[in-house]
Amino acid sequence: MWSALWLSIRITAVAVVALIVLGVPLGWLLARRRFRGRMMVETLISLPLVLPPSVVGYYLLRALGRDSPLVTWLQVDILFTWQAAVVASTVVALPLMVQSVQAAIAEVDPSLENAARTLGVDEFEIFWHITLPLARRGIVAGGVLGGARALGEFGATLMVAGNIPNRTQTLPLAIYDAVQNRQYDLANQMVLLMTALAFLALWVVRRMEMNHHAT
């Protein structure tokens, strides 16, 4: 159980970094820019929320397979490694991150950004010093929710990383194995642990929302 837990924590930590790197720019783009194909981009980002995890995993399996043009170009084979689990966790959690960031940035008063533009401040400085600090609660909330989703990822991870003990077996996969082997006491412990972590993540987000409305 503990090796699966630490592996899940490592995968989740790396996935959260990837979510911030990808989700913040995408959320800003969708909140502040109007462009042709915007609805298509939003729809594609949200697809993992409604697609079965096995379907998402199959797409990733094809994208990360040895015959994939992406793998040929990068010359990196990560299939059935913990890095593949990071990719799967990031993809399924990205919609939550992008939606939270988009909503948070949309609430930032554009007049504050426009005032900075009239003073000659460039777009990056406006984003870094005005937009990002004012939207920080939504960004943190997105990171927490995305991290919780990444921690609980099962189907897509199984497709691209497998279920190899001490190598790619995350906590959700370990729970599945314990049930299959009728180790119900072990399964109970891991299920309670996952439930506690998920509850804590949701509680943190709700507290942040309450504090935001209070201010």
Foldseek 3Di string as FASTA:
>chain_A
DVLQAVLLVVLLVVLLVVLLVPQQVLLCCLQPHDDPCSVVVLCVLCVLVPDDLQVVLVVLCQCQPPPHPVCVVVVDRCFQFSVSLSVSLNSNLNNLQNVLNNVLLNPFDVVVLVVVVVVVDDPVCCCVPPRCVSSVLSNVLSSLSSSLSSSQDDNSLCSGNNCDPSTRNHLNNVLVVCVVVVVVVVNVVSVVVNVVSNVVSVVVSVVSVVVVVVD
